[in-house]
Amino acid sequence: MANQQRCRVHWMRNALAHAPARQRTAVAAMLKTIFAQESKAEAQAQWDTVADALREKQDKLGTFMDASRIRHRA
């Protein structure tokens, strides 16, 4: 499992690679709100909110977030 874990910086870089260059600043701001939450439950809820919002316009990024969450739970 440890070999599948990724630090926030590398995860963010990989996530932003799925976003259009013009939108990376806005996407990064949205993603950072996940890590700013006070509790695990709040972070999970924010993850869902952000993933749903991004999935509407950036399906690849939403899919990446879904896959990341599945790997994290394993």
N, C-alpha and C. Protein backbone atom coordinates (compact mmCIF):
# COMPACT_ATOMS: atom_id res chain seq x y z
N MET A 1 0.81 -1.19 0.00
CA MET A 1 0.00 0.00 0.00
C MET A 1 0.86 1.26 0.00
N ALA A 2 1.93 1.25 0.75
CA ALA A 2 2.75 2.46 0.85
C ALA A 2 3.29 2.89 -0.50
N ASN A 3 3.57 1.92 -1.37
CA ASN A 3 4.09 2.29 -2.68
C ASN A 3 3.04 2.96 -3.55
N GLN A 4 1.78 2.88 -3.17
CA GLN A 4 0.72 3.53 -3.94
C GLN A 4 0.39 4.91 -3.39
N GLN A 5 0.87 5.23 -2.21
CA GLN A 5 0.58 6.53 -1.64
C GLN A 5 1.41 7.59 -2.32
N ARG A 6 0.86 8.75 -2.38
CA ARG A 6 1.52 9.85 -3.08
C ARG A 6 1.41 11.10 -2.23
N CYS A 7 2.46 11.91 -2.21
CA CYS A 7 2.37 13.14 -1.44
C CYS A 7 1.43 14.12 -2.15
N ARG A 8 0.99 15.11 -1.42
CA ARG A 8 0.04 16.09 -1.97
C ARG A 8 0.60 16.81 -3.19
N VAL A 9 1.87 17.16 -3.13
CA VAL A 9 2.47 17.91 -4.24
C VAL A 9 2.43 17.09 -5.52
N HIS A 10 2.84 15.84 -5.44
CA HIS A 10 2.85 15.01 -6.64
C HIS A 10 1.44 14.68 -7.10
N TRP A 11 0.53 14.47 -6.14
CA TRP A 11 -0.86 14.22 -6.53
C TRP A 11 -1.42 15.44 -7.25
N MET A 12 -1.15 16.63 -6.72
CA MET A 12 -1.65 17.87 -7.33
C MET A 12 -1.08 18.04 -8.73
N ARG A 13 0.20 17.78 -8.90
CA ARG A 13 0.81 17.88 -10.24
C ARG A 13 0.13 16.92 -11.21
N ASN A 14 -0.09 15.70 -10.76
CA ASN A 14 -0.75 14.72 -11.63
C ASN A 14 -2.18 15.14 -11.94
N ALA A 15 -2.88 15.65 -10.95
CA ALA A 15 -4.26 16.09 -11.17
C ALA A 15 -4.31 17.25 -12.16
N LEU A 16 -3.44 18.23 -11.98
CA LEU A 16 -3.44 19.40 -12.86
C LEU A 16 -3.05 19.05 -14.29
N ALA A 17 -2.35 17.96 -14.47
CA ALA A 17 -2.01 17.51 -15.83
C ALA A 17 -3.26 17.14 -16.61
N HIS A 18 -4.36 16.87 -15.92
CA HIS A 18 -5.62 16.52 -16.57
C HIS A 18 -6.50 17.73 -16.83
N ALA A 19 -6.06 18.90 -16.40
CA ALA A 19 -6.84 20.13 -16.58
C ALA A 19 -6.26 20.95 -17.73
N PRO A 20 -7.11 21.65 -18.47
CA PRO A 20 -6.61 22.54 -19.53
C PRO A 20 -5.71 23.61 -18.92
N ALA A 21 -4.66 23.98 -19.63
CA ALA A 21 -3.67 24.93 -19.13
C ALA A 21 -4.31 26.23 -18.65
N ARG A 22 -5.30 26.72 -19.38
CA ARG A 22 -5.94 27.99 -19.02
C ARG A 22 -6.71 27.91 -17.71
N GLN A 23 -7.09 26.72 -17.32
CA GLN A 23 -7.93 26.56 -16.13
C GLN A 23 -7.18 26.01 -14.92
N ARG A 24 -5.89 25.80 -15.05
CA ARG A 24 -5.14 25.15 -13.97
C ARG A 24 -5.12 25.96 -12.68
N THR A 25 -5.06 27.27 -12.77
CA THR A 25 -5.04 28.09 -11.55
C THR A 25 -6.36 27.92 -10.79
N ALA A 26 -7.47 27.98 -11.50
CA ALA A 26 -8.78 27.83 -10.86
C ALA A 26 -8.96 26.41 -10.31
N VAL A 27 -8.53 25.43 -11.08
CA VAL A 27 -8.65 24.04 -10.64
C VAL A 27 -7.78 23.81 -9.40
N ALA A 28 -6.58 24.34 -9.40
CA ALA A 28 -5.69 24.20 -8.24
C ALA A 28 -6.34 24.80 -7.00
N ALA A 29 -6.96 25.94 -7.14
CA ALA A 29 -7.63 26.58 -6.00
C ALA A 29 -8.74 25.69 -5.47
N MET A 30 -9.50 25.07 -6.37
CA MET A 30 -10.57 24.17 -5.93
C MET A 30 -9.99 22.95 -5.21
N LEU A 31 -8.94 22.37 -5.77
CA LEU A 31 -8.35 21.18 -5.17
C LEU A 31 -7.75 21.48 -3.80
N LYS A 32 -7.17 22.64 -3.65
CA LYS A 32 -6.56 23.01 -2.36
C LYS A 32 -7.59 23.11 -1.24
N THR A 33 -8.84 23.38 -1.60
CA THR A 33 -9.87 23.46 -0.56
C THR A 33 -10.08 22.11 0.13
N ILE A 34 -9.78 21.03 -0.57
CA ILE A 34 -9.91 19.70 0.02
C ILE A 34 -8.95 19.55 1.19
N PHE A 35 -7.70 19.97 0.97
CA PHE A 35 -6.66 19.79 1.98
C PHE A 35 -6.74 20.82 3.10
N ALA A 36 -7.57 21.82 2.94
CA ALA A 36 -7.72 22.87 3.96
C ALA A 36 -8.77 22.53 5.01
N GLN A 37 -9.44 21.42 4.86
CA GLN A 37 -10.51 21.05 5.79
C GLN A 37 -9.93 20.62 7.14
N GLU A 38 -10.70 20.81 8.18
CA GLU A 38 -10.25 20.54 9.55
C GLU A 38 -10.28 19.06 9.93
N SER A 39 -11.20 18.31 9.34
CA SER A 39 -11.34 16.91 9.72
C SER A 39 -11.36 16.02 8.48
N LYS A 40 -11.16 14.74 8.71
CA LYS A 40 -11.20 13.77 7.62
C LYS A 40 -12.58 13.76 6.97
N ALA A 41 -13.63 13.80 7.78
CA ALA A 41 -14.99 13.78 7.24
C ALA A 41 -15.26 15.00 6.37
N GLU A 42 -14.79 16.16 6.83
CA GLU A 42 -14.98 17.39 6.03
C GLU A 42 -14.18 17.31 4.74
N ALA A 43 -12.98 16.76 4.81
CA ALA A 43 -12.15 16.62 3.61
C ALA A 43 -12.81 15.68 2.61
N GLN A 44 -13.38 14.59 3.10
CA GLN A 44 -14.06 13.65 2.20
C GLN A 44 -15.28 14.29 1.55
N ALA A 45 -16.03 15.05 2.32
CA ALA A 45 -17.20 15.74 1.77
C ALA A 45 -16.77 16.78 0.74
N GLN A 46 -15.71 17.51 1.04
CA GLN A 46 -15.21 18.51 0.10
C GLN A 46 -14.66 17.84 -1.16
N TRP A 47 -14.02 16.69 -1.01
CA TRP A 47 -13.52 15.93 -2.16
C TRP A 47 -14.68 15.63 -3.10
N ASP A 48 -15.79 15.14 -2.55
CA ASP A 48 -16.96 14.82 -3.37
C ASP A 48 -17.50 16.06 -4.06
N THR A 49 -17.58 17.16 -3.34
CA THR A 49 -18.08 18.41 -3.91
C THR A 49 -17.21 18.88 -5.06
N VAL A 50 -15.91 18.88 -4.84
CA VAL A 50 -14.97 19.33 -5.87
C VAL A 50 -14.99 18.38 -7.06
N ALA A 51 -14.96 17.09 -6.81
CA ALA A 51 -14.96 16.11 -7.90
C ALA A 51 -16.22 16.25 -8.75
N ASP A 52 -17.36 16.42 -8.11
CA ASP A 52 -18.62 16.58 -8.85
C ASP A 52 -18.59 17.85 -9.69
N ALA A 53 -18.08 18.93 -9.12
CA ALA A 53 -18.02 20.20 -9.85
C ALA A 53 -17.08 20.10 -11.05
N LEU A 54 -15.95 19.47 -10.86
CA LEU A 54 -14.97 19.36 -11.95
C LEU A 54 -15.42 18.38 -13.01
N ARG A 55 -16.10 17.33 -12.59
CA ARG A 55 -16.54 16.29 -13.53
C ARG A 55 -17.48 16.86 -14.60
N GLU A 56 -18.25 17.89 -14.24
CA GLU A 56 -19.20 18.48 -15.18
C GLU A 56 -18.51 19.03 -16.42
N LYS A 57 -17.32 19.63 -16.24
CA LYS A 57 -16.64 20.26 -17.37
C LYS A 57 -15.33 19.58 -17.74
N GLN A 58 -14.79 18.81 -16.82
CA GLN A 58 -13.48 18.18 -17.05
C GLN A 58 -13.55 16.72 -16.63
N ASP A 59 -14.13 15.92 -17.48
CA ASP A 59 -14.38 14.52 -17.15
C ASP A 59 -13.10 13.76 -16.81
N LYS A 60 -12.00 14.06 -17.51
CA LYS A 60 -10.74 13.35 -17.23
C LYS A 60 -10.28 13.59 -15.79
N LEU A 61 -10.43 14.81 -15.34
CA LEU A 61 -10.01 15.15 -13.98
C LEU A 61 -10.93 14.48 -12.96
N GLY A 62 -12.22 14.46 -13.24
CA GLY A 62 -13.15 13.77 -12.35
C GLY A 62 -12.84 12.29 -12.26
N THR A 63 -12.52 11.68 -13.39
CA THR A 63 -12.16 10.27 -13.42
C THR A 63 -10.87 10.03 -12.65
N PHE A 64 -9.89 10.93 -12.81
CA PHE A 64 -8.64 10.83 -12.06
C PHE A 64 -8.90 10.89 -10.56
N MET A 65 -9.78 11.79 -10.15
CA MET A 65 -10.09 11.91 -8.72
C MET A 65 -10.79 10.66 -8.21
N ASP A 66 -11.68 10.09 -9.01
CA ASP A 66 -12.35 8.85 -8.61
C ASP A 66 -11.33 7.73 -8.43
N ALA A 67 -10.41 7.61 -9.38
CA ALA A 67 -9.39 6.56 -9.31
C ALA A 67 -8.47 6.78 -8.11
N SER A 68 -8.14 8.02 -7.83
CA SER A 68 -7.28 8.33 -6.68
C SER A 68 -7.97 7.94 -5.38
N ARG A 69 -9.24 8.21 -5.30
CA ARG A 69 -9.98 7.88 -4.08
C ARG A 69 -10.06 6.36 -3.89
N ILE A 70 -10.28 5.64 -4.98
CA ILE A 70 -10.35 4.17 -4.91
C ILE A 70 -9.01 3.61 -4.45
N ARG A 71 -7.90 4.12 -5.00
CA ARG A 71 -6.57 3.65 -4.61
C ARG A 71 -6.30 3.96 -3.14
N HIS A 72 -6.77 5.12 -2.69
CA HIS A 72 -6.52 5.52 -1.30
C HIS A 72 -7.28 4.63 -0.32
N ARG A 73 -8.45 4.21 -0.70
CA ARG A 73 -9.27 3.37 0.18
C ARG A 73 -8.77 1.93 0.23
N ALA A 74 -8.05 1.51 -0.80
CA ALA A 74 -7.60 0.10 -0.87
C ALA A 74 -6.61 -0.23 0.22
